[in-house]
Amino acid sequence: TDGGVFAAYDCDWPPVIHWEVESAYERLLAKSEILIAE
């Protein structure tokens, strides 16, 4: 409608908790992207 609103919203991953937990999360996701390419 006129004046209507569109919104795209996203989380930043990983959720904030502690650097050791977040680092392990990031290593898992980074490895998954490498494997997808392979």
PDB file of all heavy atoms in Angstrom:
ATOM      1  N   THR A   1       0.836  -1.187   0.000  1.00  0.00           N
ATOM      2  CA  THR A   1       0.000   0.000   0.000  1.00  0.00           C
ATOM      3  C   THR A   1       0.878   1.247   0.000  1.00  0.00           C
ATOM      4  O   THR A   1       2.079   1.176   0.290  1.00  0.00           O
ATOM      5  CB  THR A   1      -0.908   0.023   1.240  1.00  0.00           C
ATOM      6  OG1 THR A   1      -0.085  -0.084   2.413  1.00  0.00           O
ATOM      7  CG2 THR A   1      -1.896  -1.130   1.217  1.00  0.00           C
ATOM      8  N   ASP A   2       0.304   2.391  -0.311  1.00  0.00           N
ATOM      9  CA  ASP A   2       1.036   3.655  -0.239  1.00  0.00           C
ATOM     10  C   ASP A   2       1.461   3.884   1.211  1.00  0.00           C
ATOM     11  O   ASP A   2       0.632   3.835   2.123  1.00  0.00           O
ATOM     12  CB  ASP A   2       0.151   4.793  -0.715  1.00  0.00           C
ATOM     13  CG  ASP A   2       0.900   6.114  -0.752  1.00  0.00           C
ATOM     14  OD1 ASP A   2       2.092   6.110  -1.104  1.00  0.00           O
ATOM     15  OD2 ASP A   2       0.289   7.146  -0.418  1.00  0.00           O
ATOM     16  N   GLY A   3       2.753   4.102   1.431  1.00  0.00           N
ATOM     17  CA  GLY A   3       3.275   4.240   2.786  1.00  0.00           C
ATOM     18  C   GLY A   3       3.591   2.912   3.444  1.00  0.00           C
ATOM     19  O   GLY A   3       4.050   2.886   4.594  1.00  0.00           O
ATOM     20  N   GLY A   4       3.361   1.814   2.722  1.00  0.00           N
ATOM     21  CA  GLY A   4       3.678   0.488   3.254  1.00  0.00           C
ATOM     22  C   GLY A   4       5.177   0.295   3.416  1.00  0.00           C
ATOM     23  O   GLY A   4       5.983   1.019   2.822  1.00  0.00           O
ATOM     24  N   VAL A   5       5.560  -0.706   4.201  1.00  0.00           N
ATOM     25  CA  VAL A   5       6.960  -0.887   4.586  1.00  0.00           C
ATOM     26  C   VAL A   5       7.445  -2.284   4.196  1.00  0.00           C
ATOM     27  O   VAL A   5       6.765  -3.291   4.444  1.00  0.00           O
ATOM     28  CB  VAL A   5       7.145  -0.690   6.110  1.00  0.00           C
ATOM     29  CG1 VAL A   5       8.609  -0.895   6.507  1.00  0.00           C
ATOM     30  CG2 VAL A   5       6.676   0.695   6.527  1.00  0.00           C
ATOM     31  N   PHE A   6       8.626  -2.319   3.607  1.00  0.00           N
ATOM     32  CA  PHE A   6       9.348  -3.574   3.365  1.00  0.00           C
ATOM     33  C   PHE A   6      10.509  -3.657   4.338  1.00  0.00           C
ATOM     34  O   PHE A   6      11.206  -2.665   4.573  1.00  0.00           O
ATOM     35  CB  PHE A   6       9.906  -3.630   1.936  1.00  0.00           C
ATOM     36  CG  PHE A   6      10.884  -4.750   1.716  1.00  0.00           C
ATOM     37  CD1 PHE A   6      10.447  -6.066   1.675  1.00  0.00           C
ATOM     38  CD2 PHE A   6      12.247  -4.495   1.564  1.00  0.00           C
ATOM     39  CE1 PHE A   6      11.348  -7.109   1.478  1.00  0.00           C
ATOM     40  CE2 PHE A   6      13.154  -5.522   1.375  1.00  0.00           C
ATOM     41  CZ  PHE A   6      12.707  -6.843   1.331  1.00  0.00           C
ATOM     42  N   ALA A   7      10.724  -4.839   4.910  1.00  0.00           N
ATOM     43  CA  ALA A   7      11.839  -5.015   5.846  1.00  0.00           C
ATOM     44  C   ALA A   7      12.494  -6.369   5.644  1.00  0.00           C
ATOM     45  O   ALA A   7      11.821  -7.399   5.643  1.00  0.00           O
ATOM     46  CB  ALA A   7      11.356  -4.882   7.291  1.00  0.00           C
ATOM     47  N   ALA A   8      13.808  -6.346   5.464  1.00  0.00           N
ATOM     48  CA  ALA A   8      14.626  -7.553   5.443  1.00  0.00           C
ATOM     49  C   ALA A   8      15.492  -7.530   6.693  1.00  0.00           C
ATOM     50  O   ALA A   8      16.255  -6.579   6.893  1.00  0.00           O
ATOM     51  CB  ALA A   8      15.495  -7.604   4.192  1.00  0.00           C
ATOM     52  N   TYR A   9      15.347  -8.532   7.553  1.00  0.00           N
ATOM     53  CA  TYR A   9      16.131  -8.528   8.790  1.00  0.00           C
ATOM     54  C   TYR A   9      16.781  -9.888   9.009  1.00  0.00           C
ATOM     55  O   TYR A   9      16.237 -10.938   8.661  1.00  0.00           O
ATOM     56  CB  TYR A   9      15.279  -8.104   9.988  1.00  0.00           C
ATOM     57  CG  TYR A   9      14.064  -8.949  10.284  1.00  0.00           C
ATOM     58  CD1 TYR A   9      14.087  -9.946  11.260  1.00  0.00           C
ATOM     59  CD2 TYR A   9      12.863  -8.739   9.609  1.00  0.00           C
ATOM     60  CE1 TYR A   9      12.963 -10.696  11.551  1.00  0.00           C
ATOM     61  CE2 TYR A   9      11.735  -9.488   9.888  1.00  0.00           C
ATOM     62  CZ  TYR A   9      11.785 -10.461  10.863  1.00  0.00           C
ATOM     63  OH  TYR A   9      10.671 -11.216  11.145  1.00  0.00           O
ATOM     64  N   ASP A  10      17.988  -9.831   9.602  1.00  0.00           N
ATOM     65  CA  ASP A  10      18.821 -11.014   9.746  1.00  0.00           C
ATOM     66  C   ASP A  10      19.566 -10.990  11.073  1.00  0.00           C
ATOM     67  O   ASP A  10      19.906  -9.925  11.590  1.00  0.00           O
ATOM     68  CB  ASP A  10      19.871 -11.081   8.620  1.00  0.00           C
ATOM     69  CG  ASP A  10      19.254 -11.063   7.242  1.00  0.00           C
ATOM     70  OD1 ASP A  10      18.852 -12.133   6.771  1.00  0.00           O
ATOM     71  OD2 ASP A  10      19.161  -9.973   6.638  1.00  0.00           O
ATOM     72  N   CYS A  11      19.856 -12.193  11.565  1.00  0.00           N
ATOM     73  CA  CYS A  11      20.756 -12.340  12.715  1.00  0.00           C
ATOM     74  C   CYS A  11      22.204 -12.260  12.250  1.00  0.00           C
ATOM     75  O   CYS A  11      22.526 -12.640  11.116  1.00  0.00           O
ATOM     76  CB  CYS A  11      20.579 -13.703  13.382  1.00  0.00           C
ATOM     77  SG  CYS A  11      19.115 -13.868  14.387  1.00  0.00           S
ATOM     78  N   ASP A  12      23.071 -11.803  13.129  1.00  0.00           N
ATOM     79  CA  ASP A  12      24.503 -12.012  12.950  1.00  0.00           C
ATOM     80  C   ASP A  12      24.857 -13.345  13.612  1.00  0.00           C
ATOM     81  O   ASP A  12      24.534 -13.563  14.780  1.00  0.00           O
ATOM     82  CB  ASP A  12      25.304 -10.888  13.624  1.00  0.00           C
ATOM     83  CG  ASP A  12      25.265  -9.586  12.844  1.00  0.00           C
ATOM     84  OD1 ASP A  12      24.888  -9.618  11.659  1.00  0.00           O
ATOM     85  OD2 ASP A  12      25.600  -8.547  13.432  1.00  0.00           O
ATOM     86  N   TRP A  13      25.471 -14.242  12.873  1.00  0.00           N
ATOM     87  CA  TRP A  13      25.875 -15.536  13.428  1.00  0.00           C
ATOM     88  C   TRP A  13      27.357 -15.530  13.745  1.00  0.00           C
ATOM     89  O   TRP A  13      28.127 -14.949  12.985  1.00  0.00           O
ATOM     90  CB  TRP A  13      25.571 -16.661  12.431  1.00  0.00           C
ATOM     91  CG  TRP A  13      24.142 -16.760  11.988  1.00  0.00           C
ATOM     92  CD1 TRP A  13      23.673 -16.566  10.717  1.00  0.00           C
ATOM     93  CD2 TRP A  13      22.991 -17.091  12.782  1.00  0.00           C
ATOM     94  NE1 TRP A  13      22.314 -16.749  10.672  1.00  0.00           N
ATOM     95  CE2 TRP A  13      21.873 -17.080  11.932  1.00  0.00           C
ATOM     96  CE3 TRP A  13      22.816 -17.401  14.138  1.00  0.00           C
ATOM     97  CZ2 TRP A  13      20.586 -17.356  12.377  1.00  0.00           C
ATOM     98  CZ3 TRP A  13      21.526 -17.679  14.575  1.00  0.00           C
ATOM     99  CH2 TRP A  13      20.434 -17.652  13.708  1.00  0.00           C
ATOM    100  N   PRO A  14      27.826 -16.157  14.796  1.00  0.00           N
ATOM    101  CA  PRO A  14      27.023 -16.866  15.797  1.00  0.00           C
ATOM    102  C   PRO A  14      26.452 -15.925  16.841  1.00  0.00           C
ATOM    103  O   PRO A  14      26.924 -14.785  16.979  1.00  0.00           O
ATOM    104  CB  PRO A  14      28.057 -17.795  16.434  1.00  0.00           C
ATOM    105  CG  PRO A  14      29.349 -17.048  16.334  1.00  0.00           C
ATOM    106  CD  PRO A  14      29.279 -16.309  15.018  1.00  0.00           C
ATOM    107  N   PRO A  15      25.436 -16.378  17.589  1.00  0.00           N
ATOM    108  CA  PRO A  15      24.939 -15.582  18.706  1.00  0.00           C
ATOM    109  C   PRO A  15      26.061 -15.326  19.718  1.00  0.00           C
ATOM    110  O   PRO A  15      26.982 -16.129  19.864  1.00  0.00           O
ATOM    111  CB  PRO A  15      23.840 -16.465  19.316  1.00  0.00           C
ATOM    112  CG  PRO A  15      23.450 -17.414  18.219  1.00  0.00           C
ATOM    113  CD  PRO A  15      24.701 -17.655  17.438  1.00  0.00           C
ATOM    114  N   VAL A  16      25.973 -14.201  20.422  1.00  0.00           N
ATOM    115  CA  VAL A  16      27.044 -13.754  21.315  1.00  0.00           C
ATOM    116  C   VAL A  16      26.976 -14.498  22.647  1.00  0.00           C
ATOM    117  O   VAL A  16      25.970 -14.425  23.354  1.00  0.00           O
ATOM    118  CB  VAL A  16      26.925 -12.229  21.556  1.00  0.00           C
ATOM    119  CG1 VAL A  16      27.995 -11.757  22.530  1.00  0.00           C
ATOM    120  CG2 VAL A  16      27.009 -11.478  20.233  1.00  0.00           C
ATOM    121  N   ILE A  17      28.069 -15.213  22.993  1.00  0.00           N
ATOM    122  CA  ILE A  17      28.114 -15.916  24.275  1.00  0.00           C
ATOM    123  C   ILE A  17      29.517 -15.915  24.890  1.00  0.00           C
ATOM    124  O   ILE A  17      29.711 -15.495  26.015  1.00  0.00           O
ATOM    125  CB  ILE A  17      27.547 -17.361  24.149  1.00  0.00           C
ATOM    126  CG1 ILE A  17      27.455 -18.048  25.501  1.00  0.00           C
ATOM    127  CG2 ILE A  17      28.364 -18.199  23.161  1.00  0.00           C
ATOM    128  CD1 ILE A  17      26.488 -17.416  26.458  1.00  0.00           C
ATOM    129  N   HIS A  18      30.536 -16.408  24.154  1.00  0.00           N
ATOM    130  CA  HIS A  18      31.916 -16.452  24.656  1.00  0.00           C
ATOM    131  C   HIS A  18      32.817 -16.767  23.472  1.00  0.00           C
ATOM    132  O   HIS A  18      32.459 -17.554  22.591  1.00  0.00           O
ATOM    133  CB  HIS A  18      32.067 -17.530  25.740  1.00  0.00           C
ATOM    134  CG  HIS A  18      33.427 -17.562  26.375  1.00  0.00           C
ATOM    135  ND1 HIS A  18      34.456 -18.331  25.892  1.00  0.00           N
ATOM    136  CD2 HIS A  18      33.910 -16.902  27.455  1.00  0.00           C
ATOM    137  CE1 HIS A  18      35.526 -18.158  26.646  1.00  0.00           C
ATOM    138  NE2 HIS A  18      35.221 -17.298  27.599  1.00  0.00           N
ATOM    139  N   TRP A  19      34.003 -16.175  23.480  1.00  0.00           N
ATOM    140  CA  TRP A  19      34.849 -16.273  22.285  1.00  0.00           C
ATOM    141  C   TRP A  19      35.235 -17.703  21.944  1.00  0.00           C
ATOM    142  O   TRP A  19      35.354 -18.060  20.759  1.00  0.00           O
ATOM    143  CB  TRP A  19      36.094 -15.407  22.441  1.00  0.00           C
ATOM    144  CG  TRP A  19      37.122 -15.916  23.427  1.00  0.00           C
ATOM    145  CD1 TRP A  19      37.211 -15.612  24.755  1.00  0.00           C
ATOM    146  CD2 TRP A  19      38.198 -16.813  23.154  1.00  0.00           C
ATOM    147  NE1 TRP A  19      38.265 -16.257  25.330  1.00  0.00           N
ATOM    148  CE2 TRP A  19      38.897 -17.011  24.369  1.00  0.00           C
ATOM    149  CE3 TRP A  19      38.650 -17.476  22.010  1.00  0.00           C
ATOM    150  CZ2 TRP A  19      40.008 -17.841  24.463  1.00  0.00           C
ATOM    151  CZ3 TRP A  19      39.762 -18.297  22.096  1.00  0.00           C
ATOM    152  CH2 TRP A  19      40.429 -18.470  23.322  1.00  0.00           C
ATOM    153  N   GLU A  20      35.441 -18.564  22.934  1.00  0.00           N
ATOM    154  CA  GLU A  20      35.841 -19.946  22.629  1.00  0.00           C
ATOM    155  C   GLU A  20      34.702 -20.708  21.949  1.00  0.00           C
ATOM    156  O   GLU A  20      34.923 -21.457  20.986  1.00  0.00           O
ATOM    157  CB  GLU A  20      36.268 -20.663  23.905  1.00  0.00           C
ATOM    158  CG  GLU A  20      37.604 -20.185  24.452  1.00  0.00           C
ATOM    159  CD  GLU A  20      38.023 -20.955  25.687  1.00  0.00           C
ATOM    160  OE1 GLU A  20      37.216 -21.030  26.637  1.00  0.00           O
ATOM    161  OE2 GLU A  20      39.147 -21.485  25.687  1.00  0.00           O
ATOM    162  N   VAL A  21      33.482 -20.515  22.448  1.00  0.00           N
ATOM    163  CA  VAL A  21      32.327 -21.181  21.845  1.00  0.00           C
ATOM    164  C   VAL A  21      32.084 -20.640  20.446  1.00  0.00           C
ATOM    165  O   VAL A  21      31.848 -21.398  19.485  1.00  0.00           O
ATOM    166  CB  VAL A  21      31.081 -20.989  22.726  1.00  0.00           C
ATOM    167  CG1 VAL A  21      29.901 -21.783  22.154  1.00  0.00           C
ATOM    168  CG2 VAL A  21      31.349 -21.408  24.169  1.00  0.00           C
ATOM    169  N   GLU A  22      32.158 -19.321  20.309  1.00  0.00           N
ATOM    170  CA  GLU A  22      31.932 -18.711  19.005  1.00  0.00           C
ATOM    171  C   GLU A  22      33.000 -19.128  17.992  1.00  0.00           C
ATOM    172  O   GLU A  22      32.697 -19.367  16.817  1.00  0.00           O
ATOM    173  CB  GLU A  22      31.907 -17.190  19.149  1.00  0.00           C
ATOM    174  CG  GLU A  22      30.730 -16.673  19.960  1.00  0.00           C
ATOM    175  CD  GLU A  22      30.854 -15.200  20.287  1.00  0.00           C
ATOM    176  OE1 GLU A  22      31.467 -14.453  19.488  1.00  0.00           O
ATOM    177  OE2 GLU A  22      30.346 -14.780  21.345  1.00  0.00           O
ATOM    178  N   SER A  23      34.236 -19.239  18.424  1.00  0.00           N
ATOM    179  CA  SER A  23      35.311 -19.663  17.519  1.00  0.00           C
ATOM    180  C   SER A  23      35.088 -21.072  17.009  1.00  0.00           C
ATOM    181  O   SER A  23      35.303 -21.371  15.820  1.00  0.00           O
ATOM    182  CB  SER A  23      36.667 -19.577  18.233  1.00  0.00           C
ATOM    183  OG  SER A  23      36.996 -18.239  18.539  1.00  0.00           O
ATOM    184  N   ALA A  24      34.648 -21.958  17.894  1.00  0.00           N
ATOM    185  CA  ALA A  24      34.372 -23.338  17.476  1.00  0.00           C
ATOM    186  C   ALA A  24      33.210 -23.379  16.496  1.00  0.00           C
ATOM    187  O   ALA A  24      33.224 -24.156  15.524  1.00  0.00           O
ATOM    188  CB  ALA A  24      34.078 -24.202  18.703  1.00  0.00           C
ATOM    189  N   TYR A  25      32.210 -22.556  16.738  1.00  0.00           N
ATOM    190  CA  TYR A  25      31.076 -22.427  15.807  1.00  0.00           C
ATOM    191  C   TYR A  25      31.583 -21.982  14.428  1.00  0.00           C
ATOM    192  O   TYR A  25      31.221 -22.564  13.396  1.00  0.00           O
ATOM    193  CB  TYR A  25      30.098 -21.403  16.385  1.00  0.00           C
ATOM    194  CG  TYR A  25      28.851 -21.118  15.583  1.00  0.00           C
ATOM    195  CD1 TYR A  25      27.607 -21.519  16.045  1.00  0.00           C
ATOM    196  CD2 TYR A  25      28.911 -20.397  14.390  1.00  0.00           C
ATOM    197  CE1 TYR A  25      26.450 -21.222  15.328  1.00  0.00           C
ATOM    198  CE2 TYR A  25      27.771 -20.096  13.672  1.00  0.00           C
ATOM    199  CZ  TYR A  25      26.538 -20.506  14.149  1.00  0.00           C
ATOM    200  OH  TYR A  25      25.398 -20.226  13.450  1.00  0.00           O
ATOM    201  N   GLU A  26      32.405 -20.938  14.414  1.00  0.00           N
ATOM    202  CA  GLU A  26      32.899 -20.401  13.147  1.00  0.00           C
ATOM    203  C   GLU A  26      33.768 -21.403  12.400  1.00  0.00           C
ATOM    204  O   GLU A  26      33.723 -21.475  11.166  1.00  0.00           O
ATOM    205  CB  GLU A  26      33.651 -19.100  13.405  1.00  0.00           C
ATOM    206  CG  GLU A  26      32.733 -17.959  13.839  1.00  0.00           C
ATOM    207  CD  GLU A  26      33.475 -16.700  14.230  1.00  0.00           C
ATOM    208  OE1 GLU A  26      34.716 -16.759  14.348  1.00  0.00           O
ATOM    209  OE2 GLU A  26      32.826 -15.655  14.413  1.00  0.00           O
ATOM    210  N   ARG A  27      34.550 -22.190  13.117  1.00  0.00           N
ATOM    211  CA  ARG A  27      35.363 -23.220  12.456  1.00  0.00           C
ATOM    212  C   ARG A  27      34.478 -24.272  11.797  1.00  0.00           C
ATOM    213  O   ARG A  27      34.767 -24.731  10.682  1.00  0.00           O
ATOM    214  CB  ARG A  27      36.322 -23.871  13.455  1.00  0.00           C
ATOM    215  CG  ARG A  27      37.492 -22.990  13.864  1.00  0.00           C
ATOM    216  CD  ARG A  27      38.561 -23.771  14.591  1.00  0.00           C
ATOM    217  NE  ARG A  27      38.116 -24.252  15.896  1.00  0.00           N
ATOM    218  CZ  ARG A  27      38.185 -23.548  17.019  1.00  0.00           C
ATOM    219  NH1 ARG A  27      38.665 -22.314  17.004  1.00  0.00           N
ATOM    220  NH2 ARG A  27      37.785 -24.055  18.175  1.00  0.00           N
ATOM    221  N   LEU A  28      33.408 -24.648  12.470  1.00  0.00           N
ATOM    222  CA  LEU A  28      32.475 -25.632  11.906  1.00  0.00           C
ATOM    223  C   LEU A  28      31.843 -25.096  10.625  1.00  0.00           C
ATOM    224  O   LEU A  28      31.795 -25.794   9.605  1.00  0.00           O
ATOM    225  CB  LEU A  28      31.391 -25.954  12.940  1.00  0.00           C
ATOM    226  CG  LEU A  28      30.240 -26.838  12.450  1.00  0.00           C
ATOM    227  CD1 LEU A  28      30.738 -28.245  12.143  1.00  0.00           C
ATOM    228  CD2 LEU A  28      29.113 -26.887  13.498  1.00  0.00           C
ATOM    229  N   LEU A  29      31.378 -23.864  10.657  1.00  0.00           N
ATOM    230  CA  LEU A  29      30.721 -23.296   9.473  1.00  0.00           C
ATOM    231  C   LEU A  29      31.708 -23.062   8.332  1.00  0.00           C
ATOM    232  O   LEU A  29      31.375 -23.278   7.162  1.00  0.00           O
ATOM    233  CB  LEU A  29      30.011 -21.994   9.843  1.00  0.00           C
ATOM    234  CG  LEU A  29      28.550 -22.097  10.325  1.00  0.00           C
ATOM    235  CD1 LEU A  29      27.653 -22.543   9.191  1.00  0.00           C
ATOM    236  CD2 LEU A  29      28.411 -23.056  11.505  1.00  0.00           C
ATOM    237  N   ALA A  30      32.927 -22.633   8.667  1.00  0.00           N
ATOM    238  CA  ALA A  30      33.940 -22.421   7.629  1.00  0.00           C
ATOM    239  C   ALA A  30      34.294 -23.744   6.950  1.00  0.00           C
ATOM    240  O   ALA A  30      34.443 -23.810   5.721  1.00  0.00           O
ATOM    241  CB  ALA A  30      35.184 -21.776   8.232  1.00  0.00           C
ATOM    242  N   LYS A  31      34.422 -24.797   7.730  1.00  0.00           N
ATOM    243  CA  LYS A  31      34.735 -26.117   7.154  1.00  0.00           C
ATOM    244  C   LYS A  31      33.591 -26.584   6.264  1.00  0.00           C
ATOM    245  O   LYS A  31      33.826 -27.182   5.208  1.00  0.00           O
ATOM    246  CB  LYS A  31      34.985 -27.121   8.285  1.00  0.00           C
ATOM    247  CG  LYS A  31      35.340 -28.534   7.812  1.00  0.00           C
ATOM    248  CD  LYS A  31      36.683 -28.587   7.104  1.00  0.00           C
ATOM    249  CE  LYS A  31      37.103 -30.014   6.760  1.00  0.00           C
ATOM    250  NZ  LYS A  31      37.428 -30.815   7.947  1.00  0.00           N
ATOM    251  N   SER A  32      32.357 -26.297   6.652  1.00  0.00           N
ATOM    252  CA  SER A  32      31.217 -26.722   5.834  1.00  0.00           C
ATOM    253  C   SER A  32      31.260 -26.057   4.459  1.00  0.00           C
ATOM    254  O   SER A  32      30.949 -26.701   3.445  1.00  0.00           O
ATOM    255  CB  SER A  32      29.897 -26.420   6.542  1.00  0.00           C
ATOM    256  OG  SER A  32      29.604 -25.039   6.531  1.00  0.00           O
ATOM    257  N   GLU A  33      31.663 -24.795   4.390  1.00  0.00           N
ATOM    258  CA  GLU A  33      31.726 -24.104   3.100  1.00  0.00           C
ATOM    259  C   GLU A  33      32.830 -24.683   2.215  1.00  0.00           C
ATOM    260  O   GLU A  33      32.666 -24.792   0.996  1.00  0.00           O
ATOM    261  CB  GLU A  33      31.937 -22.604   3.313  1.00  0.00           C
ATOM    262  CG  GLU A  33      30.760 -21.904   3.982  1.00  0.00           C
ATOM    263  CD  GLU A  33      29.466 -22.065   3.211  1.00  0.00           C
ATOM    264  OE1 GLU A  33      29.484 -21.963   1.967  1.00  0.00           O
ATOM    265  OE2 GLU A  33      28.422 -22.297   3.853  1.00  0.00           O
ATOM    266  N   ILE A  34      33.940 -25.052   2.814  1.00  0.00           N
ATOM    267  CA  ILE A  34      35.021 -25.693   2.054  1.00  0.00           C
ATOM    268  C   ILE A  34      34.535 -27.018   1.475  1.00  0.00           C
ATOM    269  O   ILE A  34      34.777 -27.352   0.305  1.00  0.00           O
ATOM    270  CB  ILE A  34      36.252 -25.917   2.956  1.00  0.00           C
ATOM    271  CG1 ILE A  34      36.867 -24.565   3.336  1.00  0.00           C
ATOM    272  CG2 ILE A  34      37.283 -26.811   2.274  1.00  0.00           C
ATOM    273  CD1 ILE A  34      37.942 -24.654   4.392  1.00  0.00           C
ATOM    274  N   LEU A  35      33.830 -27.789   2.288  1.00  0.00           N
ATOM    275  CA  LEU A  35      33.356 -29.100   1.860  1.00  0.00           C
ATOM    276  C   LEU A  35      32.277 -28.999   0.792  1.00  0.00           C
ATOM    277  O   LEU A  35      32.217 -29.839  -0.113  1.00  0.00           O
ATOM    278  CB  LEU A  35      32.844 -29.882   3.062  1.00  0.00           C
ATOM    279  CG  LEU A  35      33.919 -30.317   4.058  1.00  0.00           C
ATOM    280  CD1 LEU A  35      33.283 -30.890   5.323  1.00  0.00           C
ATOM    281  CD2 LEU A  35      34.854 -31.359   3.425  1.00  0.00           C
ATOM    282  N   ILE A  36      31.436 -27.981   0.887  1.00  0.00           N
ATOM    283  CA  ILE A  36      30.421 -27.786  -0.148  1.00  0.00           C
ATOM    284  C   ILE A  36      31.083 -27.605  -1.509  1.00  0.00           C
ATOM    285  O   ILE A  36      30.649 -28.184  -2.514  1.00  0.00           O
ATOM    286  CB  ILE A  36      29.543 -26.571   0.196  1.00  0.00           C
ATOM    287  CG1 ILE A  36      28.566 -26.931   1.320  1.00  0.00           C
ATOM    288  CG2 ILE A  36      28.766 -26.079  -1.031  1.00  0.00           C
ATOM    289  CD1 ILE A  36      27.804 -25.748   1.877  1.00  0.00           C
ATOM    290  N   ALA A  37      32.162 -26.822  -1.546  1.00  0.00           N
ATOM    291  CA  ALA A  37      32.882 -26.597  -2.806  1.00  0.00           C
ATOM    292  C   ALA A  37      33.495 -27.894  -3.333  1.00  0.00           C
ATOM    293  O   ALA A  37      33.639 -28.071  -4.549  1.00  0.00           O
ATOM    294  CB  ALA A  37      33.958 -25.545  -2.605  1.00  0.00           C
ATOM    295  N   GLU A  38      33.857 -28.795  -2.428  1.00  0.00           N
ATOM    296  CA  GLU A  38      34.475 -30.059  -2.829  1.00  0.00           C
ATOM    297  C   GLU A  38      33.448 -31.123  -3.210  1.00  0.00           C
ATOM    298  O   GLU A  38      33.686 -31.928  -4.116  1.00  0.00           O
ATOM    299  CB  GLU A  38      35.341 -30.592  -1.686  1.00  0.00           C
ATOM    300  CG  GLU A  38      36.544 -29.719  -1.352  1.00  0.00           C
ATOM    301  CD  GLU A  38      37.315 -30.247  -0.145  1.00  0.00           C
ATOM    302  OE1 GLU A  38      36.868 -31.240   0.469  1.00  0.00           O
ATOM    303  OE2 GLU A  38      38.352 -29.647   0.195  1.00  0.00           O
TER     304      GLU A  38
END
